[in-house]
């Protein structure tokens, strides 16, 4: 009977320890659940932010694409302007040569006229 009482006391202490451990585990579990809820809220907020960033990135990609097209058009126009400027420059050179030739002919004709007047 003494052994039974000892076994009973030991069993009661063991049960109290188990109950105490269970209570501690419940508290830890409650804390973990609270932390997980808080984390879920933060993750949800971050998901929202990431979605907004994705949307903005899509808009930026579209604008960059538009800018690339615009730059391409500007480069084509610049090339056309360079060609026109080159043609204009070549035309100017031709006109300068023509003017030189005409000036030289005019001088020659004036000289000839003076000689003809002198001969008469």
PDB file of N, CA and C in Angstrom:
ATOM      1  N   UNK A   1       0.789  -1.162   0.000  1.00  0.00           N
ATOM      2  CA  UNK A   1       0.000   0.000   0.000  1.00  0.00           C
ATOM      3  C   UNK A   1       0.868   1.278   0.000  1.00  0.00           C
ATOM      4  N   UNK A   2       1.916   1.239   0.678  1.00  0.00           N
ATOM      5  CA  UNK A   2       2.843   2.349   0.696  1.00  0.00           C
ATOM      6  C   UNK A   2       3.377   2.622  -0.713  1.00  0.00           C
ATOM      7  N   UNK A   3       3.695   1.569  -1.386  1.00  0.00           N
ATOM      8  CA  UNK A   3       4.203   1.677  -2.757  1.00  0.00           C
ATOM      9  C   UNK A   3       3.112   2.252  -3.658  1.00  0.00           C
ATOM     10  N   UNK A   4       1.905   1.846  -3.386  1.00  0.00           N
ATOM     11  CA  UNK A   4       0.803   2.373  -4.185  1.00  0.00           C
ATOM     12  C   UNK A   4       0.632   3.861  -3.949  1.00  0.00           C
ATOM     13  N   UNK A   5       0.789   4.303  -2.698  1.00  0.00           N
ATOM     14  CA  UNK A   5       0.689   5.724  -2.387  1.00  0.00           C
ATOM     15  C   UNK A   5       1.825   6.493  -3.057  1.00  0.00           C
ATOM     16  N   UNK A   6       3.014   5.913  -3.009  1.00  0.00           N
ATOM     17  CA  UNK A   6       4.170   6.567  -3.655  1.00  0.00           C
ATOM     18  C   UNK A   6       3.922   6.659  -5.167  1.00  0.00           C
ATOM     19  N   UNK A   7       3.437   5.549  -5.716  1.00  0.00           N
ATOM     20  CA  UNK A   7       3.129   5.540  -7.151  1.00  0.00           C
ATOM     21  C   UNK A   7       2.049   6.579  -7.476  1.00  0.00           C
ATOM     22  N   UNK A   8       1.081   6.687  -6.591  1.00  0.00           N
ATOM     23  CA  UNK A   8       0.002   7.641  -6.780  1.00  0.00           C
ATOM     24  C   UNK A   8       0.531   9.079  -6.696  1.00  0.00           C
ATOM     25  N   UNK A   9       1.399   9.380  -5.750  1.00  0.00           N
ATOM     26  CA  UNK A   9       1.980  10.713  -5.587  1.00  0.00           C
ATOM     27  C   UNK A   9       2.846  11.042  -6.800  1.00  0.00           C
ATOM     28  N   UNK A  10       3.638  10.052  -7.201  1.00  0.00           N
ATOM     29  CA  UNK A  10       4.506  10.246  -8.375  1.00  0.00           C
ATOM     30  C   UNK A  10       3.645  10.475  -9.611  1.00  0.00           C
ATOM     31  N   UNK A  11       2.596   9.711  -9.718  1.00  0.00           N
ATOM     32  CA  UNK A  11       1.687   9.855 -10.863  1.00  0.00           C
ATOM     33  C   UNK A  11       1.023  11.224 -10.849  1.00  0.00           C
ATOM     34  N   UNK A  12       0.626  11.704  -9.674  1.00  0.00           N
ATOM     35  CA  UNK A  12      -0.005  13.015  -9.579  1.00  0.00           C
ATOM     36  C   UNK A  12       0.979  14.119  -9.961  1.00  0.00           C
ATOM     37  N   UNK A  13       2.227  13.996  -9.489  1.00  0.00           N
ATOM     38  CA  UNK A  13       3.253  14.987  -9.828  1.00  0.00           C
ATOM     39  C   UNK A  13       3.524  14.965 -11.338  1.00  0.00           C
ATOM     40  N   UNK A  14       3.579  13.757 -11.848  1.00  0.00           N
ATOM     41  CA  UNK A  14       3.808  13.610 -13.280  1.00  0.00           C
ATOM     42  C   UNK A  14       2.652  14.220 -14.083  1.00  0.00           C
ATOM     43  N   UNK A  15       1.429  13.978 -13.626  1.00  0.00           N
ATOM     44  CA  UNK A  15       0.261  14.550 -14.278  1.00  0.00           C
ATOM     45  C   UNK A  15       0.282  16.081 -14.189  1.00  0.00           C
ATOM     46  N   UNK A  16       0.699  16.617 -13.017  1.00  0.00           N
ATOM     47  CA  UNK A  16       0.792  18.067 -12.858  1.00  0.00           C
ATOM     48  C   UNK A  16       1.855  18.637 -13.809  1.00  0.00           C
ATOM     49  N   UNK A  17       2.970  17.919 -13.917  1.00  0.00           N
ATOM     50  CA  UNK A  17       4.018  18.369 -14.830  1.00  0.00           C
ATOM     51  C   UNK A  17       3.522  18.348 -16.283  1.00  0.00           C
ATOM     52  N   UNK A  18       2.812  17.279 -16.610  1.00  0.00           N
ATOM     53  CA  UNK A  18       2.267  17.157 -17.970  1.00  0.00           C
ATOM     54  C   UNK A  18       1.255  18.273 -18.219  1.00  0.00           C
ATOM     55  N   UNK A  19       0.385  18.524 -17.228  1.00  0.00           N
ATOM     56  CA  UNK A  19      -0.619  19.577 -17.364  1.00  0.00           C
ATOM     57  C   UNK A  19       0.058  20.946 -17.480  1.00  0.00           C
ATOM     58  N   UNK A  20       1.091  21.148 -16.678  1.00  0.00           N
ATOM     59  CA  UNK A  20       1.839  22.402 -16.729  1.00  0.00           C
ATOM     60  C   UNK A  20       2.508  22.573 -18.101  1.00  0.00           C
ATOM     61  N   UNK A  21       3.087  21.500 -18.612  1.00  0.00           N
ATOM     62  CA  UNK A  21       3.739  21.527 -19.930  1.00  0.00           C
ATOM     63  C   UNK A  21       2.709  21.778 -21.030  1.00  0.00           C
ATOM     64  N   UNK A  22       1.551  21.181 -20.899  1.00  0.00           N
ATOM     65  CA  UNK A  22       0.488  21.387 -21.882  1.00  0.00           C
ATOM     66  C   UNK A  22       0.050  22.851 -21.881  1.00  0.00           C
ATOM     67  N   UNK A  23      -0.070  23.414 -20.688  1.00  0.00           N
ATOM     68  CA  UNK A  23      -0.461  24.815 -20.577  1.00  0.00           C
ATOM     69  C   UNK A  23       0.596  25.713 -21.241  1.00  0.00           C
ATOM     70  N   UNK A  24       1.861  25.409 -20.957  1.00  0.00           N
ATOM     71  CA  UNK A  24       2.962  26.177 -21.568  1.00  0.00           C
ATOM     72  C   UNK A  24       2.925  26.040 -23.092  1.00  0.00           C
ATOM     73  N   UNK A  25       2.663  24.842 -23.574  1.00  0.00           N
ATOM     74  CA  UNK A  25       2.577  24.590 -25.018  1.00  0.00           C
ATOM     75  C   UNK A  25       1.404  25.355 -25.639  1.00  0.00           C
ATOM     76  N   UNK A  26       0.270  25.408 -24.909  1.00  0.00           N
ATOM     77  CA  UNK A  26      -0.889  26.159 -25.386  1.00  0.00           C
ATOM     78  C   UNK A  26      -0.547  27.642 -25.526  1.00  0.00           C
ATOM     79  N   UNK A  27       0.141  28.172 -24.503  1.00  0.00           N
ATOM     80  CA  UNK A  27       0.525  29.585 -24.540  1.00  0.00           C
ATOM     81  C   UNK A  27       1.478  29.855 -25.706  1.00  0.00           C
ATOM     82  N   UNK A  28       2.437  28.969 -25.883  1.00  0.00           N
ATOM     83  CA  UNK A  28       3.369  29.118 -27.008  1.00  0.00           C
ATOM     84  C   UNK A  28       2.629  29.036 -28.353  1.00  0.00           C
ATOM     85  N   UNK A  29       1.699  28.097 -28.420  1.00  0.00           N
ATOM     86  CA  UNK A  29       0.910  27.941 -29.638  1.00  0.00           C
ATOM     87  C   UNK A  29       0.079  29.193 -29.907  1.00  0.00           C
ATOM     88  N   UNK A  30      -0.504  29.767 -28.856  1.00  0.00           N
ATOM     89  CA  UNK A  30      -1.276  30.999 -28.996  1.00  0.00           C
ATOM     90  C   UNK A  30      -0.381  32.139 -29.488  1.00  0.00           C
ATOM     91  N   UNK A  31       0.817  32.222 -28.920  1.00  0.00           N
ATOM     92  CA  UNK A  31       1.765  33.249 -29.368  1.00  0.00           C
ATOM     93  C   UNK A  31       2.139  33.039 -30.838  1.00  0.00           C
ATOM     94  N   UNK A  32       2.400  31.802 -31.199  1.00  0.00           N
ATOM     95  CA  UNK A  32       2.759  31.498 -32.585  1.00  0.00           C
ATOM     96  C   UNK A  32       1.625  31.864 -33.548  1.00  0.00           C
ATOM     97  N   UNK A  33       0.407  31.541 -33.146  1.00  0.00           N
ATOM     98  CA  UNK A  33      -0.747  31.867 -33.984  1.00  0.00           C
ATOM     99  C   UNK A  33      -0.858  33.385 -34.154  1.00  0.00           C
ATOM    100  N   UNK A  34      -0.642  34.106 -33.075  1.00  0.00           N
ATOM    101  CA  UNK A  34      -0.689  35.567 -33.130  1.00  0.00           C
ATOM    102  C   UNK A  34       0.404  36.102 -34.056  1.00  0.00           C
ATOM    103  N   UNK A  35       1.593  35.556 -33.929  1.00  0.00           N
ATOM    104  CA  UNK A  35       2.713  35.983 -34.787  1.00  0.00           C
ATOM    105  C   UNK A  35       2.411  35.658 -36.249  1.00  0.00           C
ATOM    106  N   UNK A  36       1.851  34.486 -36.502  1.00  0.00           N
ATOM    107  CA  UNK A  36       1.523  34.086 -37.873  1.00  0.00           C
ATOM    108  C   UNK A  36       0.462  35.009 -38.463  1.00  0.00           C
ATOM    109  N   UNK A  37      -0.545  35.375 -37.657  1.00  0.00           N
ATOM    110  CA  UNK A  37      -1.572  36.299 -38.130  1.00  0.00           C
ATOM    111  C   UNK A  37      -0.944  37.635 -38.513  1.00  0.00           C
ATOM    112  N   UNK A  38      -0.073  38.120 -37.648  1.00  0.00           N
ATOM    113  CA  UNK A  38       0.605  39.387 -37.919  1.00  0.00           C
ATOM    114  C   UNK A  38       1.454  39.277 -39.185  1.00  0.00           C
ATOM    115  N   UNK A  39       2.139  38.171 -39.314  1.00  0.00           N
ATOM    116  CA  UNK A  39       2.980  37.939 -40.502  1.00  0.00           C
ATOM    117  C   UNK A  39       2.113  37.864 -41.757  1.00  0.00           C
ATOM    118  N   UNK A  40       0.961  37.204 -41.653  1.00  0.00           N
ATOM    119  CA  UNK A  40       0.061  37.102 -42.804  1.00  0.00           C
ATOM    120  C   UNK A  40      -0.418  38.475 -43.255  1.00  0.00           C
ATOM    121  N   UNK A  41      -0.704  39.352 -42.280  1.00  0.00           N
ATOM    122  CA  UNK A  41      -1.128  40.708 -42.619  1.00  0.00           C
ATOM    123  C   UNK A  41       0.003  41.428 -43.348  1.00  0.00           C
ATOM    124  N   UNK A  42       1.209  41.282 -42.835  1.00  0.00           N
ATOM    125  CA  UNK A  42       2.359  41.934 -43.466  1.00  0.00           C
ATOM    126  C   UNK A  42       2.602  41.375 -44.867  1.00  0.00           C
ATOM    127  N   UNK A  43       2.503  40.066 -45.009  1.00  0.00           N
ATOM    128  CA  UNK A  43       2.702  39.432 -46.325  1.00  0.00           C
ATOM    129  C   UNK A  43       1.622  39.904 -47.293  1.00  0.00           C
ATOM    130  N   UNK A  44       0.393  40.002 -46.808  1.00  0.00           N
ATOM    131  CA  UNK A  44      -0.697  40.487 -47.646  1.00  0.00           C
ATOM    132  C   UNK A  44      -0.417  41.915 -48.107  1.00  0.00           C
ATOM    133  N   UNK A  45       0.068  42.735 -47.196  1.00  0.00           N
ATOM    134  CA  UNK A  45       0.411  44.118 -47.527  1.00  0.00           C
ATOM    135  C   UNK A  45       1.542  44.143 -48.567  1.00  0.00           C
ATOM    136  N   UNK A  46       2.542  43.303 -48.360  1.00  0.00           N
ATOM    137  CA  UNK A  46       3.658  43.228 -49.307  1.00  0.00           C
ATOM    138  C   UNK A  46       3.181  42.730 -50.674  1.00  0.00           C
ATOM    139  N   UNK A  47       2.270  41.765 -50.672  1.00  0.00           N
ATOM    140  CA  UNK A  47       1.708  41.278 -51.939  1.00  0.00           C
ATOM    141  C   UNK A  47       1.032  42.419 -52.688  1.00  0.00           C
ATOM    142  N   UNK A  48       0.305  43.230 -51.956  1.00  0.00           N
ATOM    143  CA  UNK A  48      -0.369  44.373 -52.561  1.00  0.00           C
ATOM    144  C   UNK A  48       0.652  45.335 -53.157  1.00  0.00           C
ATOM    145  N   UNK A  49       1.701  45.611 -52.405  1.00  0.00           N
ATOM    146  CA  UNK A  49       2.758  46.514 -52.871  1.00  0.00           C
ATOM    147  C   UNK A  49       3.441  45.936 -54.118  1.00  0.00           C
ATOM    148  N   UNK A  50       3.718  44.646 -54.100  1.00  0.00           N
ATOM    149  CA  UNK A  50       4.361  43.996 -55.250  1.00  0.00           C
ATOM    150  C   UNK A  50       3.450  44.085 -56.478  1.00  0.00           C
ATOM    151  N   UNK A  51       2.169  43.904 -56.277  1.00  0.00           N
ATOM    152  CA  UNK A  51       1.218  44.026 -57.387  1.00  0.00           C
ATOM    153  C   UNK A  51       1.233  45.443 -57.957  1.00  0.00           C
ATOM    154  N   UNK A  52       1.278  46.421 -57.066  1.00  0.00           N
ATOM    155  CA  UNK A  52       1.340  47.815 -57.521  1.00  0.00           C
ATOM    156  C   UNK A  52       2.637  48.054 -58.307  1.00  0.00           C
ATOM    157  N   UNK A  53       3.735  47.511 -57.783  1.00  0.00           N
ATOM    158  CA  UNK A  53       5.016  47.671 -58.478  1.00  0.00           C
ATOM    159  C   UNK A  53       4.992  46.988 -59.839  1.00  0.00           C
ATOM    160  N   UNK A  54       4.378  45.815 -59.907  1.00  0.00           N
ATOM    161  CA  UNK A  54       4.249  45.117 -61.190  1.00  0.00           C
ATOM    162  C   UNK A  54       3.475  45.965 -62.185  1.00  0.00           C
ATOM    163  N   UNK A  55       2.403  46.567 -61.708  1.00  0.00           N
ATOM    164  CA  UNK A  55       1.592  47.422 -62.566  1.00  0.00           C
ATOM    165  C   UNK A  55       2.407  48.622 -63.054  1.00  0.00           C
ATOM    166  N   UNK A  56       3.136  49.225 -62.146  1.00  0.00           N
ATOM    167  CA  UNK A  56       3.966  50.373 -62.518  1.00  0.00           C
ATOM    168  C   UNK A  56       5.073  49.958 -63.485  1.00  0.00           C
ATOM    169  N   UNK A  57       5.651  48.798 -63.258  1.00  0.00           N
ATOM    170  CA  UNK A  57       6.694  48.299 -64.166  1.00  0.00           C
ATOM    171  C   UNK A  57       6.125  48.078 -65.561  1.00  0.00           C
ATOM    172  N   UNK A  58       4.905  47.573 -65.642  1.00  0.00           N
ATOM    173  CA  UNK A  58       4.269  47.369 -66.937  1.00  0.00           C
ATOM    174  C   UNK A  58       4.088  48.711 -67.637  1.00  0.00           C
ATOM    175  N   UNK A  59       3.636  49.716 -66.885  1.00  0.00           N
ATOM    176  CA  UNK A  59       3.466  51.051 -67.453  1.00  0.00           C
ATOM    177  C   UNK A  59       4.805  51.619 -67.915  1.00  0.00           C
ATOM    178  N   UNK A  60       5.829  51.416 -67.105  1.00  0.00           N
ATOM    179  CA  UNK A  60       7.164  51.917 -67.460  1.00  0.00           C
ATOM    180  C   UNK A  60       7.669  51.211 -68.708  1.00  0.00           C
ATOM    181  N   UNK A  61       7.458  49.896 -68.785  1.00  0.00           N
ATOM    182  CA  UNK A  61       7.868  49.147 -69.977  1.00  0.00           C
ATOM    183  C   UNK A  61       7.185  49.694 -71.223  1.00  0.00           C
ATOM    184  N   UNK A  62       5.891  50.013 -71.109  1.00  0.00           N
ATOM    185  CA  UNK A  62       5.158  50.563 -72.249  1.00  0.00           C
ATOM    186  C   UNK A  62       5.728  51.928 -72.640  1.00  0.00           C
ATOM    187  N   UNK A  63       6.001  52.748 -71.647  1.00  0.00           N
ATOM    188  CA  UNK A  63       6.537  54.080 -71.940  1.00  0.00           C
ATOM    189  C   UNK A  63       7.933  53.985 -72.549  1.00  0.00           C
ATOM    190  N   UNK A  64       8.749  53.058 -72.055  1.00  0.00           N
ATOM    191  CA  UNK A  64      10.085  52.864 -72.623  1.00  0.00           C
ATOM    192  C   UNK A  64       9.969  52.413 -74.075  1.00  0.00           C
ATOM    193  N   UNK A  65       9.033  51.521 -74.338  1.00  0.00           N
ATOM    194  CA  UNK A  65       8.810  51.061 -75.707  1.00  0.00           C
ATOM    195  C   UNK A  65       8.400  52.223 -76.606  1.00  0.00           C
ATOM    196  N   UNK A  66       7.490  53.063 -76.102  1.00  0.00           N
ATOM    197  CA  UNK A  66       7.076  54.249 -76.867  1.00  0.00           C
ATOM    198  C   UNK A  66       8.262  55.178 -77.113  1.00  0.00           C
ATOM    199  N   UNK A  67       9.084  55.361 -76.086  1.00  0.00           N
ATOM    200  CA  UNK A  67      10.270  56.218 -76.233  1.00  0.00           C
ATOM    201  C   UNK A  67      11.245  55.638 -77.254  1.00  0.00           C
ATOM    202  N   UNK A  68      11.418  54.319 -77.234  1.00  0.00           N
ATOM    203  CA  UNK A  68      12.301  53.684 -78.211  1.00  0.00           C
ATOM    204  C   UNK A  68      11.791  53.936 -79.620  1.00  0.00           C
ATOM    205  N   UNK A  69      10.473  53.820 -79.806  1.00  0.00           N
ATOM    206  CA  UNK A  69       9.893  54.094 -81.122  1.00  0.00           C
ATOM    207  C   UNK A  69      10.116  55.552 -81.517  1.00  0.00           C
ATOM    208  N   UNK A  70       9.891  56.456 -80.572  1.00  0.00           N
ATOM    209  CA  UNK A  70      10.075  57.880 -80.841  1.00  0.00           C
ATOM    210  C   UNK A  70      11.527  58.177 -81.188  1.00  0.00           C
ATOM    211  N   UNK A  71      12.446  57.607 -80.439  1.00  0.00           N
ATOM    212  CA  UNK A  71      13.872  57.808 -80.714  1.00  0.00           C
ATOM    213  C   UNK A  71      14.212  57.267 -82.099  1.00  0.00           C
ATOM    214  N   UNK A  72      13.652  56.107 -82.441  1.00  0.00           N
ATOM    215  CA  UNK A  72      13.876  55.542 -83.772  1.00  0.00           C
ATOM    216  C   UNK A  72      13.397  56.483 -84.862  1.00  0.00           C
ATOM    217  N   UNK A  73      12.218  57.070 -84.666  1.00  0.00           N
ATOM    218  CA  UNK A  73      11.688  58.027 -85.641  1.00  0.00           C
ATOM    219  C   UNK A  73      12.562  59.276 -85.721  1.00  0.00           C
ATOM    220  N   UNK A  74      13.020  59.733 -84.568  1.00  0.00           N
ATOM    221  CA  UNK A  74      13.894  60.913 -84.540  1.00  0.00           C
ATOM    222  C   UNK A  74      15.195  60.625 -85.286  1.00  0.00           C
ATOM    223  N   UNK A  75      15.743  59.437 -85.086  1.00  0.00           N
ATOM    224  CA  UNK A  75      16.986  59.081 -85.781  1.00  0.00           C
ATOM    225  C   UNK A  75      16.774  59.025 -87.291  1.00  0.00           C
ATOM    226  N   UNK A  76      15.611  58.515 -87.723  1.00  0.00           N
ATOM    227  CA  UNK A  76      15.309  58.489 -89.164  1.00  0.00           C
ATOM    228  C   UNK A  76      15.220  59.912 -89.710  1.00  0.00           C
ATOM    229  N   UNK A  77      14.517  60.784 -88.969  1.00  0.00           N
ATOM    230  CA  UNK A  77      14.400  62.180 -89.395  1.00  0.00           C
ATOM    231  C   UNK A  77      15.770  62.857 -89.438  1.00  0.00           C
ATOM    232  N   UNK A  78      16.587  62.557 -88.458  1.00  0.00           N
ATOM    233  CA  UNK A  78      17.931  63.136 -88.411  1.00  0.00           C
ATOM    234  C   UNK A  78      18.732  62.704 -89.629  1.00  0.00           C
ATOM    235  N   UNK A  79      18.623  61.439 -90.006  1.00  0.00           N
ATOM    236  CA  UNK A  79      19.331  60.927 -91.174  1.00  0.00           C
ATOM    237  C   UNK A  79      18.842  61.634 -92.443  1.00  0.00           C
ATOM    238  N   UNK A  80      17.507  61.812 -92.550  1.00  0.00           N
ATOM    239  CA  UNK A  80      16.953  62.525 -93.697  1.00  0.00           C
ATOM    240  C   UNK A  80      17.484  63.953 -93.740  1.00  0.00           C
ATOM    241  N   UNK A  81      17.534  64.600 -92.572  1.00  0.00           N
ATOM    242  CA  UNK A  81      18.024  65.976 -92.520  1.00  0.00           C
ATOM    243  C   UNK A  81      19.497  66.048 -92.902  1.00  0.00           C
ATOM    244  N   UNK A  82      20.271  65.062 -92.466  1.00  0.00           N
ATOM    245  CA  UNK A  82      21.682  65.014 -92.837  1.00  0.00           C
ATOM    246  C   UNK A  82      21.831  64.877 -94.350  1.00  0.00           C
ATOM    247  N   UNK A  83      21.000  64.016 -94.951  1.00  0.00           N
ATOM    248  CA  UNK A  83      21.042  63.838 -96.403  1.00  0.00           C
ATOM    249  C   UNK A  83      20.651  65.131 -97.121  1.00  0.00           C
ATOM    250  N   UNK A  84      19.578  65.776 -96.632  1.00  0.00           N
ATOM    251  CA  UNK A  84      19.158  67.038 -97.236  1.00  0.00           C
ATOM    252  C   UNK A  84      20.232  68.119 -97.089  1.00  0.00           C
ATOM    253  N   UNK A  85      20.868  68.162 -95.935  1.00  0.00           N
ATOM    254  CA  UNK A  85      21.929  69.135 -95.705  1.00  0.00           C
ATOM    255  C   UNK A  85      23.102  68.873 -96.641  1.00  0.00           C
ATOM    256  N   UNK A  86      23.417  67.611 -96.835  1.00  0.00           N
ATOM    257  CA  UNK A  86      24.508  67.255 -97.744  1.00  0.00           C
ATOM    258  C   UNK A  86      24.146  67.667 -99.177  1.00  0.00           C
ATOM    259  N   UNK A  87      22.899  67.415 -99.582  1.00  0.00           N
ATOM    260  CA  UNK A  87      22.457  67.816-100.917  1.00  0.00           C
ATOM    261  C   UNK A  87      22.500  69.335-101.062  1.00  0.00           C
ATOM    262  N   UNK A  88      22.065  70.029-100.025  1.00  0.00           N
ATOM    263  CA  UNK A  88      22.081  71.485-100.036  1.00  0.00           C
ATOM    264  C   UNK A  88      23.513  72.004-100.152  1.00  0.00           C
ATOM    265  N   UNK A  89      24.403  71.378 -99.407  1.00  0.00           N
ATOM    266  CA  UNK A  89      25.809  71.770 -99.440  1.00  0.00           C
ATOM    267  C   UNK A  89      26.403  71.536-100.829  1.00  0.00           C
ATOM    268  N   UNK A  90      26.076  70.403-101.421  1.00  0.00           N
ATOM    269  CA  UNK A  90      26.570  70.111-102.767  1.00  0.00           C
ATOM    270  C   UNK A  90      25.997  71.119-103.767  1.00  0.00           C
ATOM    271  N   UNK A  91      24.724  71.454-103.629  1.00  0.00           N
ATOM    272  CA  UNK A  91      24.112  72.459-104.502  1.00  0.00           C
ATOM    273  C   UNK A  91      24.778  73.806-104.331  1.00  0.00           C
ATOM    274  N   UNK A  92      25.085  74.155-103.101  1.00  0.00           N
ATOM    275  CA  UNK A  92      25.764  75.426-102.819  1.00  0.00           C
ATOM    276  C   UNK A  92      27.137  75.443-103.472  1.00  0.00           C
ATOM    277  N   UNK A  93      27.857  74.334-103.406  1.00  0.00           N
ATOM    278  CA  UNK A  93      29.174  74.249-104.038  1.00  0.00           C
ATOM    279  C   UNK A  93      29.049  74.439-105.549  1.00  0.00           C
ATOM    280  N   UNK A  94      28.043  73.794-106.151  1.00  0.00           N
ATOM    281  CA  UNK A  94      27.812  73.935-107.591  1.00  0.00           C
ATOM    282  C   UNK A  94      27.515  75.383-107.947  1.00  0.00           C
ATOM    283  N   UNK A  95      26.667  76.012-107.153  1.00  0.00           N
ATOM    284  CA  UNK A  95      26.325  77.410-107.415  1.00  0.00           C
ATOM    285  C   UNK A  95      27.551  78.315-107.264  1.00  0.00           C
ATOM    286  N   UNK A  96      28.383  78.014-106.275  1.00  0.00           N
ATOM    287  CA  UNK A  96      29.616  78.797-106.102  1.00  0.00           C
ATOM    288  C   UNK A  96      30.507  78.666-107.338  1.00  0.00           C
ATOM    289  N   UNK A  97      30.632  77.463-107.871  1.00  0.00           N
ATOM    290  CA  UNK A  97      31.451  77.236-109.074  1.00  0.00           C
ATOM    291  C   UNK A  97      30.848  77.972-110.269  1.00  0.00           C
ATOM    292  N   UNK A  98      29.505  77.916-110.386  1.00  0.00           N
ATOM    293  CA  UNK A  98      28.823  78.610-111.479  1.00  0.00           C
ATOM    294  C   UNK A  98      29.080  80.110-111.377  1.00  0.00           C
ATOM    295  N   UNK A  99      28.962  80.651-110.146  1.00  0.00           N
ATOM    296  CA  UNK A  99      29.210  82.089-109.958  1.00  0.00           C
ATOM    297  C   UNK A  99      30.649  82.459-110.305  1.00  0.00           C
ATOM    298  N   UNK A 100      31.586  81.599-109.929  1.00  0.00           N
ATOM    299  CA  UNK A 100      32.989  81.852-110.276  1.00  0.00           C
ATOM    300  C   UNK A 100      33.163  81.882-111.787  1.00  0.00           C
ATOM    301  N   UNK A 101      32.539  80.882-112.444  1.00  0.00           N
ATOM    302  CA  UNK A 101      32.639  80.810-113.902  1.00  0.00           C
ATOM    303  C   UNK A 101      32.011  82.047-114.537  1.00  0.00           C
ATOM    304  N   UNK A 102      30.836  82.443-114.082  1.00  0.00           N
ATOM    305  CA  UNK A 102      30.163  83.626-114.618  1.00  0.00           C
ATOM    306  C   UNK A 102      30.977  84.897-114.366  1.00  0.00           C
ATOM    307  N   UNK A 103      31.559  84.997-113.188  1.00  0.00           N
ATOM    308  CA  UNK A 103      32.384  86.171-112.878  1.00  0.00           C
ATOM    309  C   UNK A 103      33.597  86.219-113.796  1.00  0.00           C
ATOM    310  N   UNK A 104      34.200  85.058-114.015  1.00  0.00           N
ATOM    311  CA  UNK A 104      35.366  84.992-114.893  1.00  0.00           C
ATOM    312  C   UNK A 104      34.961  85.372-116.320  1.00  0.00           C
ATOM    313  N   UNK A 105      33.824  84.865-116.816  1.00  0.00           N
ATOM    314  CA  UNK A 105      33.339  85.191-118.156  1.00  0.00           C
ATOM    315  C   UNK A 105      33.037  86.695-118.259  1.00  0.00           C
ATOM    316  N   UNK A 106      32.454  87.219-117.209  1.00  0.00           N
ATOM    317  CA  UNK A 106      32.139  88.643-117.217  1.00  0.00           C
ATOM    318  C   UNK A 106      33.412  89.460-117.332  1.00  0.00           C
ATOM    319  N   UNK A 107      34.443  89.084-116.563  1.00  0.00           N
ATOM    320  CA  UNK A 107      35.716  89.786-116.646  1.00  0.00           C
ATOM    321  C   UNK A 107      36.315  89.667-118.047  1.00  0.00           C
ATOM    322  N   UNK A 108      36.247  88.460-118.585  1.00  0.00           N
ATOM    323  CA  UNK A 108      36.783  88.239-119.934  1.00  0.00           C
ATOM    324  C   UNK A 108      36.038  89.115-120.950  1.00  0.00           C
ATOM    325  N   UNK A 109      34.695  89.160-120.833  1.00  0.00           N
ATOM    326  CA  UNK A 109      33.894  89.947-121.778  1.00  0.00           C
ATOM    327  C   UNK A 109      34.175  91.443-121.619  1.00  0.00           C
ATOM    328  N   UNK A 110      34.338  91.894-120.393  1.00  0.00           N
ATOM    329  CA  UNK A 110      34.657  93.298-120.165  1.00  0.00           C
ATOM    330  C   UNK A 110      36.008  93.636-120.784  1.00  0.00           C
ATOM    331  N   UNK A 111      36.948  92.725-120.630  1.00  0.00           N
ATOM    332  CA  UNK A 111      38.275  92.932-121.217  1.00  0.00           C
ATOM    333  C   UNK A 111      38.161  93.004-122.736  1.00  0.00           C
ATOM    334  N   UNK A 112      37.396  92.111-123.315  1.00  0.00           N
ATOM    335  CA  UNK A 112      37.213  92.093-124.760  1.00  0.00           C
ATOM    336  C   UNK A 112      36.537  93.383-125.234  1.00  0.00           C
ATOM    337  N   UNK A 113      35.536  93.858-124.512  1.00  0.00           N
ATOM    338  CA  UNK A 113      34.821  95.084-124.874  1.00  0.00           C
ATOM    339  C   UNK A 113      35.784  96.266-124.821  1.00  0.00           C
ATOM    340  N   UNK A 114      36.590  96.334-123.784  1.00  0.00           N
ATOM    341  CA  UNK A 114      37.565  97.417-123.659  1.00  0.00           C
ATOM    342  C   UNK A 114      38.556  97.391-124.823  1.00  0.00           C
ATOM    343  N   UNK A 115      38.982  96.189-125.188  1.00  0.00           N
ATOM    344  CA  UNK A 115      39.937  96.065-126.306  1.00  0.00           C
ATOM    345  C   UNK A 115      39.270  96.496-127.609  1.00  0.00           C
ATOM    346  N   UNK A 116      38.003  96.125-127.804  1.00  0.00           N
ATOM    347  CA  UNK A 116      37.283  96.500-129.009  1.00  0.00           C
ATOM    348  C   UNK A 116      37.114  98.026-129.081  1.00  0.00           C
ATOM    349  N   UNK A 117      36.819  98.641-127.945  1.00  0.00           N
ATOM    350  CA  UNK A 117      36.657 100.093-127.902  1.00  0.00           C
ATOM    351  C   UNK A 117      37.999 100.769-128.190  1.00  0.00           C
ATOM    352  N   UNK A 118      39.031 100.180-127.689  1.00  0.00           N
ATOM    353  CA  UNK A 118      40.355 100.769-127.884  1.00  0.00           C
ATOM    354  C   UNK A 118      40.761 100.654-129.354  1.00  0.00           C
ATOM    355  N   UNK A 119      40.399  99.559-129.992  1.00  0.00           N
ATOM    356  CA  UNK A 119      40.747  99.315-131.390  1.00  0.00           C
ATOM    357  C   UNK A 119      39.976 100.304-132.275  1.00  0.00           C
ATOM    358  N   UNK A 120      38.835 100.672-132.026  1.00  0.00           N
ATOM    359  CA  UNK A 120      38.001 101.541-132.842  1.00  0.00           C
ATOM    360  C   UNK A 120      38.533 102.904-132.785  1.00  0.00           C
TER     361      UNK A 120
END
